[in-house]
Amino acid sequence: MKIEELEAERTWLAFDPMRQLRPHLTSTGFVRLVNEVQRPEGYRLVASWDGELGRVAAALGFRQVNSLAAGRHLAVDDLTTLLAARGRGHATRLLAWAEREARRLGCEHIHLDADTHRHEAHRLALRAGYSISAFHLTRRV
């Protein structure tokens, strides 16, 4: 298992795991959105390679954010693992990588959003030392 940050020309490698989390995206749409919209806003993409599968098995997308409420923190927008690779430690290792990066950047916290129906993601985060510290409320406009 190898963890590495994906530069723009390799964004496409994270599409298969990301499609499981964001099924509305096409491969082309995913690459375009990440590279043309999100990366200029500070989004970064990290991949976990699975030797047995021979491809990217999990991906983590994040941004560094500064806010009045939380100070400087890492905001994890996307964390996903291929179904065939779940239970092998990919997401746990990606979260550990994110923690090291947060420390390196001088962040005070990591914020991780997980949809309310993603119970496996909640368990993973709680086991990794995250706590439920707020409600993230949304309203369609």
N, C-alpha and C. Protein backbone atom coordinates (compact mmCIF):
# COMPACT_ATOMS: atom_id res chain seq x y z
N MET A 1 0.85 -1.18 0.00
CA MET A 1 0.00 0.00 0.00
C MET A 1 0.89 1.24 0.00
N LYS A 2 0.59 2.15 -0.91
CA LYS A 2 1.37 3.38 -1.04
C LYS A 2 0.41 4.56 -1.04
N ILE A 3 0.75 5.59 -0.28
CA ILE A 3 -0.04 6.82 -0.24
C ILE A 3 0.73 7.90 -0.99
N GLU A 4 0.06 8.59 -1.90
CA GLU A 4 0.72 9.68 -2.61
C GLU A 4 -0.28 10.74 -3.04
N GLU A 5 0.20 11.97 -3.08
CA GLU A 5 -0.63 13.05 -3.57
C GLU A 5 -0.66 13.00 -5.10
N LEU A 6 -1.83 13.20 -5.67
CA LEU A 6 -1.99 13.17 -7.12
C LEU A 6 -1.97 14.60 -7.66
N GLU A 7 -1.07 14.85 -8.57
CA GLU A 7 -1.03 16.14 -9.25
C GLU A 7 -2.10 16.15 -10.34
N ALA A 8 -2.32 17.29 -10.94
CA ALA A 8 -3.43 17.48 -11.88
C ALA A 8 -3.46 16.46 -13.01
N GLU A 9 -2.29 16.15 -13.57
CA GLU A 9 -2.27 15.23 -14.71
C GLU A 9 -2.63 13.79 -14.32
N ARG A 10 -2.70 13.51 -13.01
CA ARG A 10 -3.03 12.16 -12.55
C ARG A 10 -4.35 12.11 -11.78
N THR A 11 -5.11 13.18 -11.83
CA THR A 11 -6.40 13.24 -11.13
C THR A 11 -7.28 12.06 -11.52
N TRP A 12 -7.28 11.70 -12.77
CA TRP A 12 -8.15 10.63 -13.29
C TRP A 12 -7.98 9.32 -12.53
N LEU A 13 -6.81 9.10 -11.94
CA LEU A 13 -6.56 7.85 -11.23
C LEU A 13 -7.48 7.65 -10.02
N ALA A 14 -8.01 8.73 -9.49
CA ALA A 14 -8.88 8.65 -8.30
C ALA A 14 -10.36 8.53 -8.67
N PHE A 15 -10.67 8.49 -9.95
CA PHE A 15 -12.08 8.51 -10.34
C PHE A 15 -12.85 7.28 -9.86
N ASP A 16 -12.32 6.09 -9.99
CA ASP A 16 -13.08 4.89 -9.61
C ASP A 16 -13.53 4.92 -8.15
N PRO A 17 -12.63 5.16 -7.20
CA PRO A 17 -13.15 5.25 -5.83
C PRO A 17 -14.07 6.47 -5.63
N MET A 18 -13.75 7.58 -6.27
CA MET A 18 -14.57 8.78 -6.08
C MET A 18 -15.97 8.59 -6.65
N ARG A 19 -16.10 7.81 -7.70
CA ARG A 19 -17.42 7.56 -8.31
C ARG A 19 -18.35 6.88 -7.30
N GLN A 20 -17.81 6.08 -6.39
CA GLN A 20 -18.65 5.44 -5.39
C GLN A 20 -19.23 6.46 -4.41
N LEU A 21 -18.49 7.50 -4.13
CA LEU A 21 -18.95 8.55 -3.22
C LEU A 21 -19.79 9.59 -3.95
N ARG A 22 -19.42 9.88 -5.18
CA ARG A 22 -20.07 10.93 -5.98
C ARG A 22 -20.55 10.33 -7.31
N PRO A 23 -21.59 9.48 -7.28
CA PRO A 23 -22.01 8.74 -8.48
C PRO A 23 -22.54 9.62 -9.61
N HIS A 24 -22.85 10.86 -9.35
CA HIS A 24 -23.37 11.76 -10.39
C HIS A 24 -22.26 12.23 -11.34
N LEU A 25 -21.00 12.02 -10.98
CA LEU A 25 -19.88 12.51 -11.80
C LEU A 25 -19.49 11.52 -12.88
N THR A 26 -19.14 12.04 -14.04
CA THR A 26 -18.52 11.24 -15.09
C THR A 26 -17.01 11.38 -14.92
N SER A 27 -16.26 10.53 -15.57
CA SER A 27 -14.80 10.60 -15.49
C SER A 27 -14.30 11.96 -15.96
N THR A 28 -14.77 12.38 -17.12
CA THR A 28 -14.34 13.67 -17.67
C THR A 28 -14.79 14.82 -16.79
N GLY A 29 -16.02 14.75 -16.31
CA GLY A 29 -16.54 15.79 -15.44
C GLY A 29 -15.78 15.88 -14.12
N PHE A 30 -15.43 14.73 -13.57
CA PHE A 30 -14.65 14.69 -12.32
C PHE A 30 -13.30 15.37 -12.51
N VAL A 31 -12.57 14.98 -13.54
CA VAL A 31 -11.25 15.55 -13.79
C VAL A 31 -11.36 17.05 -14.03
N ARG A 32 -12.31 17.47 -14.83
CA ARG A 32 -12.49 18.89 -15.13
C ARG A 32 -12.84 19.68 -13.86
N LEU A 33 -13.78 19.18 -13.08
CA LEU A 33 -14.20 19.87 -11.86
C LEU A 33 -13.04 20.00 -10.87
N VAL A 34 -12.31 18.91 -10.66
CA VAL A 34 -11.18 18.96 -9.72
C VAL A 34 -10.10 19.90 -10.22
N ASN A 35 -9.70 19.73 -11.47
CA ASN A 35 -8.54 20.49 -11.97
C ASN A 35 -8.85 21.96 -12.30
N GLU A 36 -10.04 22.24 -12.80
CA GLU A 36 -10.34 23.60 -13.24
C GLU A 36 -11.06 24.45 -12.19
N VAL A 37 -11.75 23.80 -11.27
CA VAL A 37 -12.51 24.55 -10.27
C VAL A 37 -11.92 24.38 -8.87
N GLN A 38 -11.77 23.14 -8.44
CA GLN A 38 -11.38 22.91 -7.06
C GLN A 38 -9.90 23.15 -6.77
N ARG A 39 -9.02 22.68 -7.62
CA ARG A 39 -7.58 22.90 -7.36
C ARG A 39 -7.24 24.39 -7.26
N PRO A 40 -7.77 25.25 -8.14
CA PRO A 40 -7.47 26.68 -7.98
C PRO A 40 -7.97 27.25 -6.64
N GLU A 41 -8.92 26.58 -6.02
CA GLU A 41 -9.43 27.00 -4.71
C GLU A 41 -8.69 26.31 -3.56
N GLY A 42 -7.62 25.56 -3.88
CA GLY A 42 -6.81 24.93 -2.85
C GLY A 42 -7.06 23.46 -2.60
N TYR A 43 -7.95 22.84 -3.36
CA TYR A 43 -8.26 21.42 -3.19
C TYR A 43 -7.06 20.57 -3.57
N ARG A 44 -6.78 19.57 -2.75
CA ARG A 44 -5.70 18.62 -3.03
C ARG A 44 -6.26 17.21 -2.95
N LEU A 45 -5.65 16.30 -3.69
CA LEU A 45 -6.16 14.94 -3.81
C LEU A 45 -5.05 13.95 -3.50
N VAL A 46 -5.34 13.02 -2.59
CA VAL A 46 -4.36 12.02 -2.16
C VAL A 46 -4.95 10.64 -2.43
N ALA A 47 -4.10 9.72 -2.88
CA ALA A 47 -4.55 8.38 -3.25
C ALA A 47 -3.84 7.31 -2.44
N SER A 48 -4.54 6.23 -2.21
CA SER A 48 -3.96 5.04 -1.60
C SER A 48 -4.00 3.92 -2.64
N TRP A 49 -2.82 3.43 -2.97
CA TRP A 49 -2.69 2.37 -3.97
C TRP A 49 -2.80 1.01 -3.30
N ASP A 50 -3.49 0.09 -3.95
CA ASP A 50 -3.63 -1.27 -3.46
C ASP A 50 -2.82 -2.19 -4.36
N GLY A 51 -1.81 -2.83 -3.80
CA GLY A 51 -0.95 -3.71 -4.58
C GLY A 51 -1.69 -4.90 -5.16
N GLU A 52 -2.64 -5.43 -4.42
CA GLU A 52 -3.40 -6.58 -4.89
C GLU A 52 -4.29 -6.22 -6.08
N LEU A 53 -4.91 -5.05 -6.01
CA LEU A 53 -5.77 -4.60 -7.11
C LEU A 53 -4.97 -3.95 -8.23
N GLY A 54 -3.78 -3.45 -7.90
CA GLY A 54 -2.93 -2.80 -8.89
C GLY A 54 -3.44 -1.43 -9.34
N ARG A 55 -4.18 -0.74 -8.47
CA ARG A 55 -4.70 0.58 -8.82
C ARG A 55 -5.04 1.36 -7.56
N VAL A 56 -5.48 2.58 -7.76
CA VAL A 56 -5.90 3.41 -6.63
C VAL A 56 -7.16 2.78 -6.03
N ALA A 57 -7.10 2.52 -4.74
CA ALA A 57 -8.22 1.88 -4.05
C ALA A 57 -9.01 2.86 -3.20
N ALA A 58 -8.38 3.98 -2.84
CA ALA A 58 -9.05 4.96 -1.98
C ALA A 58 -8.51 6.34 -2.28
N ALA A 59 -9.33 7.35 -2.00
CA ALA A 59 -8.92 8.73 -2.26
C ALA A 59 -9.44 9.64 -1.17
N LEU A 60 -8.67 10.69 -0.92
CA LEU A 60 -9.03 11.71 0.06
C LEU A 60 -8.81 13.07 -0.59
N GLY A 61 -9.85 13.90 -0.60
CA GLY A 61 -9.75 15.25 -1.13
C GLY A 61 -9.93 16.25 0.00
N PHE A 62 -9.08 17.25 0.05
CA PHE A 62 -9.12 18.19 1.18
C PHE A 62 -8.67 19.58 0.77
N ARG A 63 -8.93 20.54 1.66
CA ARG A 63 -8.50 21.92 1.49
C ARG A 63 -8.00 22.43 2.83
N GLN A 64 -7.11 23.38 2.80
CA GLN A 64 -6.74 24.10 4.02
C GLN A 64 -7.67 25.30 4.10
N VAL A 65 -8.27 25.51 5.27
CA VAL A 65 -9.26 26.55 5.45
C VAL A 65 -8.92 27.36 6.71
N ASN A 66 -9.21 28.64 6.65
CA ASN A 66 -9.10 29.50 7.83
C ASN A 66 -10.48 30.08 8.10
N SER A 67 -10.95 29.92 9.33
CA SER A 67 -12.26 30.48 9.67
C SER A 67 -12.20 31.09 11.07
N LEU A 68 -13.12 32.00 11.34
CA LEU A 68 -13.20 32.60 12.66
C LEU A 68 -13.53 31.56 13.72
N ALA A 69 -14.39 30.63 13.38
CA ALA A 69 -14.83 29.62 14.34
C ALA A 69 -13.77 28.58 14.65
N ALA A 70 -13.04 28.14 13.64
CA ALA A 70 -12.14 27.00 13.83
C ALA A 70 -10.67 27.32 13.61
N GLY A 71 -10.36 28.53 13.23
CA GLY A 71 -8.96 28.85 12.95
C GLY A 71 -8.49 28.12 11.70
N ARG A 72 -7.19 27.88 11.63
CA ARG A 72 -6.63 27.17 10.47
C ARG A 72 -6.89 25.67 10.66
N HIS A 73 -7.53 25.09 9.65
CA HIS A 73 -7.81 23.65 9.74
C HIS A 73 -7.82 23.01 8.36
N LEU A 74 -7.73 21.71 8.36
CA LEU A 74 -7.83 20.93 7.14
C LEU A 74 -9.28 20.48 7.02
N ALA A 75 -9.91 20.74 5.89
CA ALA A 75 -11.29 20.32 5.65
C ALA A 75 -11.28 19.16 4.67
N VAL A 76 -11.64 17.98 5.15
CA VAL A 76 -11.72 16.80 4.28
C VAL A 76 -13.09 16.81 3.63
N ASP A 77 -13.10 17.01 2.32
CA ASP A 77 -14.35 17.05 1.56
C ASP A 77 -14.76 15.67 1.06
N ASP A 78 -13.78 14.85 0.75
CA ASP A 78 -14.04 13.55 0.13
C ASP A 78 -13.12 12.50 0.73
N LEU A 79 -13.69 11.38 1.15
CA LEU A 79 -12.92 10.22 1.60
C LEU A 79 -13.70 8.99 1.17
N THR A 80 -13.10 8.17 0.33
CA THR A 80 -13.82 7.05 -0.24
C THR A 80 -12.88 5.90 -0.58
N THR A 81 -13.39 4.69 -0.46
CA THR A 81 -12.63 3.47 -0.76
C THR A 81 -13.46 2.57 -1.66
N LEU A 82 -12.82 1.96 -2.65
CA LEU A 82 -13.51 0.97 -3.48
C LEU A 82 -14.10 -0.12 -2.60
N LEU A 83 -15.28 -0.60 -2.95
CA LEU A 83 -15.91 -1.67 -2.18
C LEU A 83 -14.98 -2.88 -2.05
N ALA A 84 -14.29 -3.24 -3.13
CA ALA A 84 -13.41 -4.41 -3.13
C ALA A 84 -12.20 -4.25 -2.22
N ALA A 85 -11.90 -3.02 -1.81
CA ALA A 85 -10.71 -2.77 -0.99
C ALA A 85 -11.04 -2.34 0.44
N ARG A 86 -12.31 -2.34 0.79
CA ARG A 86 -12.68 -1.91 2.15
C ARG A 86 -12.20 -2.92 3.17
N GLY A 87 -11.85 -2.41 4.35
CA GLY A 87 -11.37 -3.26 5.43
C GLY A 87 -9.88 -3.54 5.37
N ARG A 88 -9.18 -2.94 4.43
CA ARG A 88 -7.74 -3.16 4.29
C ARG A 88 -6.91 -2.02 4.86
N GLY A 89 -7.54 -1.02 5.42
CA GLY A 89 -6.80 0.06 6.07
C GLY A 89 -6.51 1.27 5.21
N HIS A 90 -7.04 1.31 4.00
CA HIS A 90 -6.76 2.45 3.11
C HIS A 90 -7.23 3.78 3.71
N ALA A 91 -8.48 3.84 4.13
CA ALA A 91 -9.03 5.09 4.66
C ALA A 91 -8.32 5.50 5.94
N THR A 92 -8.01 4.53 6.79
CA THR A 92 -7.29 4.83 8.03
C THR A 92 -5.93 5.43 7.72
N ARG A 93 -5.24 4.89 6.75
CA ARG A 93 -3.93 5.42 6.38
C ARG A 93 -4.04 6.80 5.73
N LEU A 94 -5.08 7.00 4.95
CA LEU A 94 -5.28 8.33 4.36
C LEU A 94 -5.56 9.37 5.45
N LEU A 95 -6.34 9.01 6.45
CA LEU A 95 -6.59 9.94 7.55
C LEU A 95 -5.31 10.23 8.34
N ALA A 96 -4.47 9.22 8.51
CA ALA A 96 -3.19 9.43 9.20
C ALA A 96 -2.30 10.36 8.37
N TRP A 97 -2.30 10.18 7.05
CA TRP A 97 -1.53 11.07 6.17
C TRP A 97 -2.05 12.50 6.32
N ALA A 98 -3.38 12.66 6.33
CA ALA A 98 -3.98 13.99 6.46
C ALA A 98 -3.60 14.64 7.79
N GLU A 99 -3.53 13.84 8.84
CA GLU A 99 -3.13 14.39 10.14
C GLU A 99 -1.69 14.89 10.11
N ARG A 100 -0.80 14.12 9.50
CA ARG A 100 0.59 14.58 9.38
C ARG A 100 0.67 15.86 8.55
N GLU A 101 -0.10 15.92 7.47
CA GLU A 101 -0.09 17.11 6.63
C GLU A 101 -0.67 18.31 7.38
N ALA A 102 -1.71 18.10 8.15
CA ALA A 102 -2.30 19.18 8.94
C ALA A 102 -1.28 19.74 9.93
N ARG A 103 -0.55 18.86 10.58
CA ARG A 103 0.49 19.31 11.51
C ARG A 103 1.56 20.11 10.77
N ARG A 104 1.98 19.59 9.61
CA ARG A 104 3.02 20.26 8.82
C ARG A 104 2.58 21.66 8.41
N LEU A 105 1.30 21.82 8.10
CA LEU A 105 0.76 23.10 7.67
C LEU A 105 0.40 24.03 8.83
N GLY A 106 0.54 23.55 10.04
CA GLY A 106 0.21 24.37 11.20
C GLY A 106 -1.27 24.48 11.49
N CYS A 107 -2.02 23.49 11.05
CA CYS A 107 -3.47 23.48 11.29
C CYS A 107 -3.76 23.07 12.73
N GLU A 108 -4.86 23.57 13.25
CA GLU A 108 -5.28 23.26 14.61
C GLU A 108 -6.20 22.05 14.68
N HIS A 109 -6.91 21.78 13.60
CA HIS A 109 -7.91 20.70 13.58
C HIS A 109 -8.00 20.12 12.17
N ILE A 110 -8.66 18.98 12.11
CA ILE A 110 -9.14 18.43 10.83
C ILE A 110 -10.65 18.34 10.95
N HIS A 111 -11.35 18.84 9.96
CA HIS A 111 -12.80 18.73 9.91
C HIS A 111 -13.16 17.75 8.80
N LEU A 112 -14.01 16.80 9.12
CA LEU A 112 -14.41 15.76 8.19
C LEU A 112 -15.93 15.71 8.15
N ASP A 113 -16.50 16.00 7.00
CA ASP A 113 -17.95 15.88 6.83
C ASP A 113 -18.26 14.50 6.28
N ALA A 114 -19.30 13.88 6.83
CA ALA A 114 -19.78 12.60 6.32
C ALA A 114 -21.31 12.66 6.32
N ASP A 115 -21.90 12.35 5.19
CA ASP A 115 -23.36 12.38 5.10
C ASP A 115 -23.98 11.54 6.22
N THR A 116 -25.18 11.91 6.64
CA THR A 116 -25.81 11.26 7.79
C THR A 116 -26.06 9.77 7.59
N HIS A 117 -26.22 9.33 6.36
CA HIS A 117 -26.50 7.91 6.10
C HIS A 117 -25.23 7.07 5.95
N ARG A 118 -24.06 7.65 6.03
CA ARG A 118 -22.80 6.92 5.83
C ARG A 118 -22.26 6.43 7.18
N HIS A 119 -22.95 5.43 7.73
CA HIS A 119 -22.62 4.92 9.06
C HIS A 119 -21.21 4.32 9.15
N GLU A 120 -20.76 3.65 8.09
CA GLU A 120 -19.39 3.11 8.10
C GLU A 120 -18.36 4.23 8.22
N ALA A 121 -18.61 5.34 7.54
CA ALA A 121 -17.69 6.48 7.62
C ALA A 121 -17.69 7.07 9.02
N HIS A 122 -18.85 7.11 9.66
CA HIS A 122 -18.92 7.63 11.03
C HIS A 122 -18.09 6.75 11.96
N ARG A 123 -18.26 5.44 11.85
CA ARG A 123 -17.50 4.51 12.70
C ARG A 123 -16.01 4.66 12.47
N LEU A 124 -15.61 4.75 11.21
CA LEU A 124 -14.19 4.91 10.88
C LEU A 124 -13.63 6.17 11.54
N ALA A 125 -14.32 7.29 11.40
CA ALA A 125 -13.83 8.55 11.96
C ALA A 125 -13.78 8.50 13.48
N LEU A 126 -14.79 7.95 14.10
CA LEU A 126 -14.80 7.86 15.56
C LEU A 126 -13.66 6.97 16.06
N ARG A 127 -13.42 5.85 15.37
CA ARG A 127 -12.29 4.98 15.74
C ARG A 127 -10.96 5.68 15.56
N ALA A 128 -10.89 6.61 14.61
CA ALA A 128 -9.65 7.34 14.33
C ALA A 128 -9.47 8.54 15.26
N GLY A 129 -10.37 8.72 16.21
CA GLY A 129 -10.21 9.79 17.19
C GLY A 129 -10.99 11.07 16.90
N TYR A 130 -11.81 11.07 15.88
CA TYR A 130 -12.64 12.23 15.58
C TYR A 130 -13.83 12.24 16.54
N SER A 131 -14.38 13.41 16.78
CA SER A 131 -15.56 13.53 17.62
C SER A 131 -16.62 14.32 16.85
N ILE A 132 -17.86 14.11 17.24
CA ILE A 132 -18.96 14.85 16.63
C ILE A 132 -19.04 16.18 17.38
N SER A 133 -18.60 17.24 16.70
CA SER A 133 -18.47 18.53 17.39
C SER A 133 -19.46 19.58 16.89
N ALA A 134 -20.19 19.29 15.83
CA ALA A 134 -21.12 20.27 15.28
C ALA A 134 -22.09 19.59 14.34
N PHE A 135 -23.17 20.28 14.05
CA PHE A 135 -24.07 19.87 12.98
C PHE A 135 -23.75 20.71 11.77
N HIS A 136 -23.72 20.09 10.62
CA HIS A 136 -23.50 20.81 9.36
C HIS A 136 -24.86 20.87 8.69
N LEU A 137 -25.46 22.04 8.67
CA LEU A 137 -26.81 22.21 8.14
C LEU A 137 -26.74 22.76 6.72
N THR A 138 -27.65 22.31 5.88
CA THR A 138 -27.69 22.80 4.50
C THR A 138 -29.11 23.20 4.15
N ARG A 139 -29.22 24.04 3.15
CA ARG A 139 -30.52 24.44 2.61
C ARG A 139 -30.35 24.66 1.12
N ARG A 140 -31.19 24.04 0.35
CA ARG A 140 -31.16 24.19 -1.11
C ARG A 140 -31.70 25.56 -1.50
N VAL A 141 -31.01 26.23 -2.42
CA VAL A 141 -31.48 27.54 -2.89
C VAL A 141 -31.64 27.53 -4.40
